[in-house]
Protein backbone atom coordinates (compact mmCIF):
# COMPACT_ATOMS: atom_id res chain seq x y z
CA MET A 1 -116.98 23.93 62.76
CA LEU A 2 -118.27 20.66 64.18
CA GLU A 3 -115.11 18.83 63.17
CA ALA A 4 -113.07 21.50 64.92
CA GLY A 5 -114.91 20.60 68.13
CA MET A 6 -117.04 23.72 68.38
CA ARG A 7 -120.13 23.36 70.58
CA GLY A 8 -123.57 23.46 68.99
CA VAL A 9 -124.63 26.54 70.98
CA ASP A 10 -121.55 28.43 69.75
CA ILE A 11 -122.21 27.38 66.15
CA ILE A 12 -125.82 28.59 66.36
CA SER A 13 -124.66 31.87 67.89
CA LYS A 14 -122.09 32.36 65.13
CA ILE A 15 -124.67 31.61 62.43
CA GLN A 16 -127.12 34.07 64.01
CA ASP A 17 -124.38 36.71 64.03
CA MET A 18 -124.22 36.22 60.26
CA CYS A 19 -127.87 37.46 60.02
CA TYR A 20 -129.59 34.08 60.30
CA ARG A 21 -132.96 34.96 61.81
CA ASN A 22 -134.89 31.70 61.44
CA SER A 23 -135.44 29.08 64.12
CA ASP A 24 -132.34 27.37 65.41
CA GLY A 25 -134.22 24.04 65.38
CA THR A 26 -132.99 23.21 61.88
CA VAL A 27 -129.38 23.82 62.87
CA ARG A 28 -129.77 21.79 66.08
CA HIS A 29 -131.35 18.94 64.08
CA TYR A 30 -128.43 18.99 61.62
CA ILE A 31 -125.88 18.96 64.45
CA THR A 32 -127.65 16.03 66.15
CA ASP A 33 -127.80 14.11 62.88
CA TRP A 34 -124.12 14.81 62.21
CA LYS A 35 -123.14 13.62 65.67
CA LYS A 36 -125.10 10.41 65.21
CA ARG A 37 -123.29 9.67 61.96
CA ARG A 38 -119.85 10.48 63.27
CA LYS A 39 -119.05 9.11 66.64
CA ARG A 40 -115.72 8.88 68.36
CA LEU A 41 -114.78 5.56 69.86
CA TYR A 42 -111.68 5.36 71.96
CA VAL A 43 -109.45 2.33 71.76
CA SER A 44 -107.86 0.88 74.81
CA ASP A 45 -104.36 2.36 74.44
CA ASP A 46 -105.61 5.93 75.27
CA GLU A 47 -103.42 7.44 72.53
CA ALA A 48 -105.29 6.68 69.35
CA ASP A 49 -108.92 7.23 68.67
CA VAL A 50 -110.82 5.85 65.74
CA ILE A 51 -113.56 7.74 63.94
CA VAL A 52 -116.45 5.47 63.11
CA GLU A 53 -119.10 6.59 60.69
CA LEU A 54 -122.52 5.26 61.60
CA VAL A 55 -124.59 4.07 58.70
CA GLU A 56 -128.30 4.45 59.19
CA ARG A 57 -130.46 1.42 58.58
CA LYS A 58 -132.75 3.30 56.20
CA ASP A 59 -129.79 4.14 53.96
CA VAL A 60 -128.72 0.50 53.84
CA PHE A 61 -132.27 -0.53 52.91
CA LYS A 62 -132.24 2.00 50.08
CA LEU A 63 -129.55 -0.15 48.46
CA LEU A 64 -132.15 -2.87 47.93
CA PHE A 65 -134.14 -0.54 45.68
CA HIS A 66 -131.58 1.85 44.25
CA SER A 67 -128.10 1.46 42.82
CA LEU A 68 -125.14 2.43 44.99
CA GLU A 69 -124.60 5.60 42.94
CA LYS A 70 -128.10 6.85 43.79
CA VAL A 71 -127.79 6.40 47.56
CA GLU A 72 -126.05 9.60 48.59
CA ARG A 73 -124.93 8.71 52.10
CA ILE A 74 -123.26 5.41 51.25
CA SER A 75 -119.99 5.27 49.35
CA LYS A 76 -118.47 2.17 47.74
CA ASP A 77 -116.09 1.88 50.69
CA ILE A 78 -118.93 1.96 53.23
CA PHE A 79 -120.92 -0.53 51.16
CA ASP A 80 -117.95 -2.93 51.09
CA ARG A 81 -117.54 -2.61 54.87
CA VAL A 82 -121.25 -3.28 55.47
CA CYS A 83 -121.07 -6.38 53.25
CA ALA A 84 -117.96 -7.60 55.05
CA GLU A 85 -119.59 -7.08 58.44
CA TYR A 86 -122.97 -8.54 57.39
CA PRO A 87 -122.56 -11.22 54.68
CA CYS A 88 -126.30 -11.89 54.90
CA PHE A 89 -126.96 -8.37 53.58
CA GLN A 90 -124.60 -8.94 50.69
CA ASN A 91 -126.41 -12.17 49.78
CA LEU A 92 -129.77 -10.44 50.05
CA ASN A 93 -128.61 -7.53 47.92
CA VAL A 94 -127.22 -9.87 45.25
CA ILE A 95 -130.36 -12.03 45.03
CA ILE A 96 -132.67 -9.00 44.78
CA TRP A 97 -130.59 -7.39 42.05
CA GLU A 98 -130.38 -10.72 40.20
CA PHE A 99 -134.19 -10.85 40.16
CA ARG A 100 -134.38 -7.28 38.88
CA ASP A 101 -131.85 -8.10 36.15
CA LEU A 102 -133.83 -11.22 35.25
CA LEU A 103 -136.94 -9.08 34.78
CA LYS A 104 -135.15 -6.41 32.77
CA ALA A 105 -133.36 -8.92 30.52
CA LYS A 106 -136.66 -10.73 29.82
CA ASN A 107 -134.99 -14.06 30.50
CA PRO A 108 -137.66 -16.36 31.97
CA ASP A 109 -135.47 -19.45 31.56
CA GLU A 110 -133.33 -18.21 34.46
CA LEU A 111 -136.30 -18.05 36.83
CA ALA A 112 -136.02 -21.65 38.06
CA SER A 113 -132.31 -21.33 38.85
CA TRP A 114 -132.94 -17.97 40.57
CA ILE A 115 -135.57 -19.64 42.76
CA GLU A 116 -133.06 -22.30 43.80
CA ARG A 117 -130.40 -19.71 44.64
CA ALA A 118 -132.92 -17.64 46.59
CA LYS A 119 -134.16 -20.66 48.57
CA SER A 120 -130.58 -21.60 49.45
CA LEU A 121 -130.17 -18.32 51.38
CA LYS A 122 -132.74 -19.46 53.96
CA ILE A 123 -134.00 -15.92 54.61
CA ARG A 124 -137.61 -16.01 55.79
CA GLU A 125 -138.79 -12.99 53.78
CA ILE A 126 -137.13 -14.19 50.59
CA ASP A 127 -138.55 -17.68 51.14
CA SER A 128 -142.02 -16.16 51.43
CA PHE A 129 -141.53 -14.23 48.18
CA VAL A 130 -140.21 -17.36 46.45
CA GLU A 131 -143.25 -19.37 47.61
CA GLY A 132 -145.49 -16.74 46.02
CA VAL A 133 -143.50 -16.92 42.79
CA LYS A 134 -143.73 -20.71 42.83
CA ARG A 135 -147.48 -20.58 43.44
CA ASP A 136 -147.93 -18.33 40.39
CA TYR A 137 -144.95 -19.66 38.45
CA GLU A 138 -146.69 -19.68 35.06
CA ALA A 139 -147.94 -16.09 35.48
CA VAL A 140 -144.51 -14.85 36.59
CA PHE A 141 -142.80 -16.77 33.78
CA ASN A 142 -145.16 -15.24 31.20
CA ALA A 143 -144.84 -11.76 32.72
CA ILE A 144 -141.08 -11.99 32.21
CA LYS A 145 -141.36 -13.54 28.76
CA PHE A 146 -143.97 -11.31 27.13
CA ASN A 147 -144.18 -7.56 26.67
CA TYR A 148 -147.87 -7.40 27.53
CA SER A 149 -149.12 -5.38 30.45
CA ASN A 150 -152.31 -3.75 31.67
CA GLY A 151 -150.17 -1.01 33.20
CA LEU A 152 -151.37 1.59 30.71
CA ALA A 153 -154.97 0.97 31.71
CA GLU A 154 -154.04 1.19 35.39
CA GLN A 155 -152.19 4.46 34.88
CA ALA A 156 -154.77 6.10 32.64
CA GLU A 157 -156.46 9.27 33.81
CA ASN A 158 -159.79 7.60 33.16
CA ASN A 159 -158.89 4.62 35.35
CA LYS A 160 -162.20 4.93 37.18
CA ARG A 161 -164.04 4.80 33.88
CA VAL A 162 -162.15 1.68 32.82
CA LYS A 163 -163.02 -0.01 36.10
CA ILE A 164 -166.69 0.89 35.67
CA LEU A 165 -166.62 -0.59 32.15
CA ARG A 166 -164.93 -3.71 33.48
CA GLY A 167 -167.64 -4.07 36.10
CA GLU A 168 -170.39 -3.68 33.49
CA VAL A 169 -168.81 -6.31 31.20
CA GLN A 170 -168.37 -8.56 34.20
CA LYS A 171 -172.08 -8.24 35.09
CA GLU A 172 -173.12 -8.95 31.50
CA GLN A 173 -170.95 -12.06 31.38
CA GLY A 174 -172.11 -13.18 34.79
CA SER A 175 -168.47 -13.78 35.67
CA SER A 176 -166.72 -13.11 38.94
CA THR A 177 -163.34 -12.59 37.25
CA PRO A 178 -162.72 -9.26 35.55
CA PRO A 179 -161.84 -9.21 31.85
CA THR A 180 -158.16 -8.79 31.09
CA ILE A 181 -156.99 -5.66 29.35
CA LEU A 182 -153.63 -6.06 27.66
CA TYR A 183 -151.30 -3.53 26.15
CA GLN A 184 -148.08 -4.37 24.32
CA SER A 185 -145.25 -2.20 25.61
């Protein structure tokens, strides 16, 4: 109905005629959202108009955390157009996914070369992350290399109990650093 050019008020009226008795706020919200995503821009020759689909920033950011297949509102075509329009985003996306792959593949020998590639992008936020990795290089290297984690202890239902026990051991040892609990995954 929206694509046919029907006004929002008429659409709401038609839906209510079909026994829709709830608030029309949801329908209005959907119509507003649809109009934001699809906007008509008119080119100078007055004959042709081009439909431009607006891509919301939040959906683009989802690509940094989820694969393209899992981000519903962005197709491969839209992704390619965003990358063509903003090469910086493509570089950022590539470097983040390279780091994720490095972690999953348990390949710590690639860490140094990843750091160099990341630094070459000259993106402030990535540079900050890289500086943190460089500061704790040995810990990050070992976290990639070994299958040990204290994640099970952190996720346990008795997490509070574990922390109390840690505190007691810490007091007995007279140490300010908590004991490490490791679990091989």
